[in-house]
């Protein structure tokens, strides 16, 4: 079932979802499946907390060096014929997207 975005009242959507037996069952089943797969993966990997800590170290490294990785990405994209636009603001990004769409529809 696709996610609905719109003017429908939030509380009405919640009530509708709670009363939908199929949806409750699907969510419960998905939670059980994800939980059991996580336990299996944790056993296969060994020390789960060590892996978790290592993942956090990687995340921090990437955030601290984000400019380097974004530059590397833009170079790789350019080398393959693509283009990367670094917008200073969300408004700049939206304007750039509008311009690309207009250009592509006109061409």
C-alpha atoms as a PDB file:
ATOM      1  CA  UNK A   1       0.000   0.000   0.000  1.00  0.00           C
ATOM      2  CA  UNK A   2       1.618   3.297  -1.049  1.00  0.00           C
ATOM      3  CA  UNK A   3       2.208   6.040   1.451  1.00  0.00           C
ATOM      4  CA  UNK A   4      -0.443   8.756   1.278  1.00  0.00           C
ATOM      5  CA  UNK A   5       0.512  12.377   1.513  1.00  0.00           C
ATOM      6  CA  UNK A   6      -2.209  14.937   1.460  1.00  0.00           C
ATOM      7  CA  UNK A   7      -4.901  16.746   3.330  1.00  0.00           C
ATOM      8  CA  UNK A   8      -6.544  13.709   4.896  1.00  0.00           C
ATOM      9  CA  UNK A   9      -6.664  14.183   8.649  1.00  0.00           C
ATOM     10  CA  UNK A  10      -3.756  12.470  10.412  1.00  0.00           C
ATOM     11  CA  UNK A  11      -5.921  11.041  13.183  1.00  0.00           C
ATOM     12  CA  UNK A  12      -8.335   9.585  10.643  1.00  0.00           C
ATOM     13  CA  UNK A  13      -5.443   7.859   8.844  1.00  0.00           C
ATOM     14  CA  UNK A  14      -4.130   6.476  12.145  1.00  0.00           C
ATOM     15  CA  UNK A  15      -7.569   5.180  13.097  1.00  0.00           C
ATOM     16  CA  UNK A  16      -8.005   3.647   9.659  1.00  0.00           C
ATOM     17  CA  UNK A  17      -4.622   1.926   9.897  1.00  0.00           C
ATOM     18  CA  UNK A  18      -5.292   0.592  13.380  1.00  0.00           C
ATOM     19  CA  UNK A  19      -8.586  -0.888  12.225  1.00  0.00           C
ATOM     20  CA  UNK A  20      -7.026  -2.500   9.146  1.00  0.00           C
ATOM     21  CA  UNK A  21      -6.342  -6.116  10.178  1.00  0.00           C
ATOM     22  CA  UNK A  22      -4.351  -6.874   7.023  1.00  0.00           C
ATOM     23  CA  UNK A  23      -2.064  -3.881   7.583  1.00  0.00           C
ATOM     24  CA  UNK A  24      -1.547  -4.729  11.272  1.00  0.00           C
ATOM     25  CA  UNK A  25      -0.627  -8.284  10.301  1.00  0.00           C
ATOM     26  CA  UNK A  26       1.737  -7.112   7.572  1.00  0.00           C
ATOM     27  CA  UNK A  27       3.523  -4.701   9.909  1.00  0.00           C
ATOM     28  CA  UNK A  28       3.786  -7.337  12.641  1.00  0.00           C
ATOM     29  CA  UNK A  29       5.132  -9.890  10.181  1.00  0.00           C
ATOM     30  CA  UNK A  30       7.679  -7.419   8.816  1.00  0.00           C
ATOM     31  CA  UNK A  31       8.850  -6.532  12.334  1.00  0.00           C
ATOM     32  CA  UNK A  32       9.251 -10.205  13.230  1.00  0.00           C
ATOM     33  CA  UNK A  33      11.159 -10.897  10.020  1.00  0.00           C
ATOM     34  CA  UNK A  34      13.501  -7.925  10.490  1.00  0.00           C
ATOM     35  CA  UNK A  35      14.118  -8.834  14.121  1.00  0.00           C
ATOM     36  CA  UNK A  36      14.940 -12.460  13.345  1.00  0.00           C
ATOM     37  CA  UNK A  37      17.199 -11.482  10.418  1.00  0.00           C
ATOM     38  CA  UNK A  38      19.028  -9.019  12.681  1.00  0.00           C
ATOM     39  CA  UNK A  39      19.656 -11.767  15.245  1.00  0.00           C
ATOM     40  CA  UNK A  40      20.945 -14.116  12.535  1.00  0.00           C
ATOM     41  CA  UNK A  41      23.237 -11.412  11.128  1.00  0.00           C
ATOM     42  CA  UNK A  42      24.521 -10.567  14.621  1.00  0.00           C
ATOM     43  CA  UNK A  43      25.420 -14.217  15.232  1.00  0.00           C
ATOM     44  CA  UNK A  44      27.181 -14.467  11.860  1.00  0.00           C
ATOM     45  CA  UNK A  45      29.185 -11.277  12.424  1.00  0.00           C
ATOM     46  CA  UNK A  46      30.245 -12.072  15.946  1.00  0.00           C
ATOM     47  CA  UNK A  47      30.717  -9.179  18.357  1.00  0.00           C
ATOM     48  CA  UNK A  48      27.754  -6.995  17.391  1.00  0.00           C
ATOM     49  CA  UNK A  49      28.767  -4.028  19.566  1.00  0.00           C
ATOM     50  CA  UNK A  50      32.248  -4.011  18.031  1.00  0.00           C
ATOM     51  CA  UNK A  51      30.716  -3.846  14.534  1.00  0.00           C
ATOM     52  CA  UNK A  52      28.332  -1.136  15.686  1.00  0.00           C
ATOM     53  CA  UNK A  53      31.214   0.893  17.107  1.00  0.00           C
ATOM     54  CA  UNK A  54      33.226   0.429  13.920  1.00  0.00           C
ATOM     55  CA  UNK A  55      30.257   1.612  11.865  1.00  0.00           C
ATOM     56  CA  UNK A  56      29.998   4.743  14.005  1.00  0.00           C
ATOM     57  CA  UNK A  57      33.726   5.418  13.502  1.00  0.00           C
ATOM     58  CA  UNK A  58      33.254   5.151   9.728  1.00  0.00           C
ATOM     59  CA  UNK A  59      30.242   7.471   9.872  1.00  0.00           C
ATOM     60  CA  UNK A  60      32.172  10.071  11.877  1.00  0.00           C
ATOM     61  CA  UNK A  61      35.140   9.848   9.498  1.00  0.00           C
ATOM     62  CA  UNK A  62      32.917  10.391   6.473  1.00  0.00           C
ATOM     63  CA  UNK A  63      31.154  13.362   8.083  1.00  0.00           C
ATOM     64  CA  UNK A  64      34.467  14.934   9.085  1.00  0.00           C
ATOM     65  CA  UNK A  65      35.796  14.492   5.531  1.00  0.00           C
ATOM     66  CA  UNK A  66      32.573  15.053   3.632  1.00  0.00           C
ATOM     67  CA  UNK A  67      34.074  17.762   1.423  1.00  0.00           C
ATOM     68  CA  UNK A  68      36.715  15.300   0.191  1.00  0.00           C
ATOM     69  CA  UNK A  69      34.175  12.572  -0.548  1.00  0.00           C
ATOM     70  CA  UNK A  70      31.779  14.956  -2.299  1.00  0.00           C
ATOM     71  CA  UNK A  71      34.639  16.262  -4.452  1.00  0.00           C
ATOM     72  CA  UNK A  72      35.674  12.687  -5.252  1.00  0.00           C
ATOM     73  CA  UNK A  73      32.087  11.841  -6.191  1.00  0.00           C
ATOM     74  CA  UNK A  74      31.765  14.900  -8.434  1.00  0.00           C
ATOM     75  CA  UNK A  75      35.033  14.033 -10.197  1.00  0.00           C
ATOM     76  CA  UNK A  76      33.934  10.445 -10.794  1.00  0.00           C
ATOM     77  CA  UNK A  77      30.557  11.590 -12.125  1.00  0.00           C
ATOM     78  CA  UNK A  78      32.230  14.145 -14.420  1.00  0.00           C
ATOM     79  CA  UNK A  79      34.701  11.535 -15.688  1.00  0.00           C
ATOM     80  CA  UNK A  80      31.718   9.451 -16.761  1.00  0.00           C
ATOM     81  CA  UNK A  81      30.033  12.324 -18.556  1.00  0.00           C
ATOM     82  CA  UNK A  82      27.729  13.460 -15.787  1.00  0.00           C
ATOM     83  CA  UNK A  83      27.321  16.746 -13.969  1.00  0.00           C
ATOM     84  CA  UNK A  84      27.042  17.511 -10.269  1.00  0.00           C
ATOM     85  CA  UNK A  85      25.525  20.771  -9.080  1.00  0.00           C
ATOM     86  CA  UNK A  86      26.336  21.963  -5.573  1.00  0.00           C
ATOM     87  CA  UNK A  87      23.524  24.245  -4.457  1.00  0.00           C
ATOM     88  CA  UNK A  88      24.105  26.732  -1.673  1.00  0.00           C
ATOM     89  CA  UNK A  89      20.476  26.679  -0.582  1.00  0.00           C
ATOM     90  CA  UNK A  90      17.386  24.551  -1.056  1.00  0.00           C
ATOM     91  CA  UNK A  91      15.935  27.344  -3.189  1.00  0.00           C
ATOM     92  CA  UNK A  92      19.003  27.215  -5.458  1.00  0.00           C
ATOM     93  CA  UNK A  93      18.617  23.445  -5.795  1.00  0.00           C
ATOM     94  CA  UNK A  94      14.925  23.781  -6.659  1.00  0.00           C
ATOM     95  CA  UNK A  95      15.662  26.475  -9.241  1.00  0.00           C
ATOM     96  CA  UNK A  96      18.394  24.347 -10.825  1.00  0.00           C
ATOM     97  CA  UNK A  97      16.056  21.357 -11.055  1.00  0.00           C
ATOM     98  CA  UNK A  98      13.357  23.524 -12.665  1.00  0.00           C
ATOM     99  CA  UNK A  99      15.882  24.766 -15.233  1.00  0.00           C
ATOM    100  CA  UNK A 100      17.050  21.243 -16.059  1.00  0.00           C
ATOM    101  CA  UNK A 101      13.466  20.036 -16.470  1.00  0.00           C
ATOM    102  CA  UNK A 102      12.571  22.990 -18.696  1.00  0.00           C
ATOM    103  CA  UNK A 103      15.705  22.506 -20.797  1.00  0.00           C
ATOM    104  CA  UNK A 104      15.100  18.775 -21.245  1.00  0.00           C
ATOM    105  CA  UNK A 105      11.451  19.270 -22.194  1.00  0.00           C
ATOM    106  CA  UNK A 106      12.403  21.973 -24.700  1.00  0.00           C
ATOM    107  CA  UNK A 107      15.154  19.881 -26.299  1.00  0.00           C
END
